[in-house]
Protein backbone atom coordinates (compact mmCIF):
# COMPACT_ATOMS: atom_id res chain seq x y z
CA MET A 1 -3.92 13.71 10.93
CA GLU A 2 -4.51 10.67 13.10
CA PRO A 3 -6.16 7.53 11.45
CA ILE A 4 -9.65 7.04 12.62
CA LYS A 5 -9.86 3.76 14.59
CA VAL A 6 -13.29 1.78 14.13
CA THR A 7 -14.22 -0.94 15.55
CA VAL A 8 -16.83 -3.86 14.42
CA ASP A 9 -18.85 -5.90 16.92
CA GLN A 10 -18.86 -9.18 14.89
CA SER A 11 -21.15 -10.75 17.27
CA LYS A 12 -24.15 -8.50 15.97
CA SER A 13 -23.35 -9.02 12.12
CA LYS A 14 -22.88 -12.58 12.53
CA ASN A 15 -25.90 -14.69 12.01
CA THR A 16 -25.82 -18.74 12.99
CA TYR A 17 -29.11 -19.45 11.93
CA ASP A 18 -30.02 -21.43 14.99
CA MET A 19 -33.12 -21.95 15.71
CA LYS A 20 -32.28 -21.41 19.68
CA ASP A 21 -31.19 -17.79 18.93
CA LEU A 22 -34.36 -16.93 16.80
CA ILE A 23 -36.52 -18.42 19.74
CA ALA A 24 -34.42 -16.74 22.38
CA ASP A 25 -34.95 -13.16 20.29
CA ALA A 26 -38.72 -13.71 19.96
CA CYS A 27 -38.75 -14.50 24.05
CA ASP A 28 -36.68 -11.58 24.64
CA THR A 29 -39.50 -9.74 22.72
CA PHE A 30 -42.15 -11.47 24.40
CA ASP A 31 -40.38 -10.17 27.80
CA THR A 32 -39.63 -6.69 26.95
CA GLU A 33 -43.22 -5.40 25.53
CA TYR A 34 -45.92 -7.56 27.02
CA TRP A 35 -44.71 -9.48 30.37
CA GLU A 36 -45.07 -6.69 32.48
CA ASP A 37 -48.84 -6.33 31.40
CA ILE A 38 -49.31 -9.79 32.25
CA LYS A 39 -47.75 -9.91 35.34
CA ASN A 40 -50.03 -7.39 36.67
CA LYS A 41 -53.21 -9.50 36.89
CA GLU A 42 -55.71 -6.47 36.85
CA THR A 43 -54.02 -4.93 33.78
CA TYR A 44 -54.15 -8.12 32.02
CA ASN A 45 -57.61 -9.15 32.81
CA HIS A 46 -58.60 -5.48 31.87
CA LEU A 47 -56.71 -6.00 28.55
CA LYS A 48 -58.30 -9.16 27.70
CA GLU A 49 -61.79 -8.31 28.74
CA THR A 50 -61.41 -4.93 26.28
CA ARG A 51 -59.87 -7.48 23.87
CA GLU A 52 -56.82 -5.29 23.24
CA TYR A 53 -54.95 -8.54 23.32
CA ASP A 54 -54.35 -11.74 24.60
CA ILE A 55 -51.78 -14.52 25.36
CA ASP A 56 -52.03 -16.54 22.12
CA ASP A 57 -52.36 -13.01 19.91
CA MET A 58 -49.07 -11.86 21.74
CA ILE A 59 -47.50 -15.34 20.62
CA HIS A 60 -48.47 -15.53 17.24
CA GLU A 61 -47.51 -11.52 16.84
CA ILE A 62 -44.21 -12.23 17.82
CA ALA A 63 -43.80 -15.08 16.14
CA ASP A 64 -45.03 -13.81 12.58
CA SER A 65 -42.70 -10.76 12.82
CA ALA A 66 -39.93 -12.86 14.29
CA THR A 67 -40.18 -15.61 11.03
CA PRO A 68 -37.47 -14.89 7.95
CA ILE A 69 -39.04 -13.50 5.17
CA TYR A 70 -36.61 -13.90 2.47
CA TYR A 71 -35.35 -16.90 0.16
CA TYR A 72 -31.99 -16.65 1.34
CA ASP A 73 -32.68 -16.65 5.18
CA ILE A 74 -35.04 -19.89 5.35
CA GLY A 75 -32.52 -21.69 3.14
CA GLN A 76 -29.93 -20.71 5.53
CA PHE A 77 -32.27 -21.66 8.36
CA ALA A 78 -32.79 -24.95 6.39
CA ALA A 79 -29.32 -25.71 5.99
CA HIS A 80 -28.65 -25.12 9.56
CA ASN A 81 -31.84 -26.97 10.96
CA SER A 82 -32.29 -29.98 8.83
CA CYS A 83 -35.44 -30.70 10.90
CA LEU A 84 -37.10 -27.81 8.95
CA MET A 85 -36.93 -29.82 5.92
CA THR A 86 -38.44 -33.03 6.99
CA ILE A 87 -41.24 -32.07 9.01
CA LYS A 88 -44.77 -31.47 7.18
CA SER A 89 -46.44 -28.20 8.36
CA GLU A 90 -49.68 -28.16 10.13
CA ILE A 91 -50.01 -24.93 8.86
CA ASN A 92 -49.62 -25.26 5.29
CA PRO A 93 -49.34 -29.16 3.99
CA GLU A 94 -49.85 -28.57 0.56
CA GLY A 95 -47.27 -25.68 -0.02
CA ASN A 96 -43.88 -25.84 -1.76
CA ALA A 97 -40.77 -26.34 0.23
CA HIS A 98 -40.23 -22.70 0.79
CA ASP A 99 -43.51 -22.37 2.31
CA GLN A 100 -43.07 -25.50 4.68
CA ILE A 101 -39.91 -24.54 5.95
CA GLN A 102 -41.10 -20.87 6.58
CA ALA A 103 -43.87 -22.66 8.39
CA ASN A 104 -42.26 -25.01 10.41
CA ILE A 105 -39.77 -22.30 11.66
CA TYR A 106 -42.89 -20.08 12.77
CA GLU A 107 -44.38 -23.00 14.28
CA GLU A 108 -41.13 -23.76 16.48
CA ILE A 109 -41.17 -20.04 17.19
CA CYS A 110 -44.55 -20.46 18.43
CA ASN A 111 -43.98 -23.46 20.50
CA GLY A 112 -40.99 -22.05 21.95
CA LEU A 113 -42.83 -19.13 23.03
CA HIS A 114 -45.46 -21.27 24.58
CA GLU A 115 -42.75 -22.94 26.75
CA HIS A 116 -41.05 -19.45 27.76
CA ILE A 117 -44.61 -18.19 29.24
CA ALA A 118 -45.54 -21.61 30.79
CA LYS A 119 -42.16 -21.51 32.52
CA LYS A 120 -42.27 -17.41 33.56
CA GLU A 121 -46.19 -18.01 34.56
CA LYS A 122 -45.19 -21.05 36.96
CA GLU A 123 -42.48 -18.89 38.42
CA GLN A 124 -45.02 -16.19 39.13
CA ASN A 125 -47.12 -18.31 40.78
CA ASN A 126 -44.30 -19.76 43.38
CA GLU A 127 -43.50 -15.98 43.94
CA ARG A 128 -46.81 -15.17 44.51
CA TRP A 129 -47.18 -18.66 46.81
CA PHE A 130 -44.25 -17.45 48.54
CA THR A 131 -45.42 -13.85 49.16
CA PHE A 132 -48.62 -14.84 50.83
CA MET A 133 -47.31 -17.52 53.16
CA PRO A 134 -47.26 -16.78 56.18
CA ASN A 135 -43.87 -17.13 58.51
CA LEU A 136 -43.74 -20.39 59.97
């Protein structure tokens, strides 16, 4: 009987607790779940008119689900990103240390998503400009 060879992809199980990774994951979620609807202006206007969702709702929904909830993970993010411990959160200014760090993580994800979306919209507007531009 041959022994079974098991290969484990360490890159997937290793958590670096880097805010850039957390924001990148949130941006990937936005791209895969929402961007196609937004790119199509008619679909987006319909969704906005029917109040199914708008960009701010999307950002907060993604940030909420991407924000860690376990004390250990929040502590690890704070240990690897010391700025999370020094900034007083606007969301929960009177909260305990755990709440402050968690709120700061949430705000960082929201800010990262806003920047990502602005970049995507600018790229799309540039594409539209070149699409409608006559050949000179």
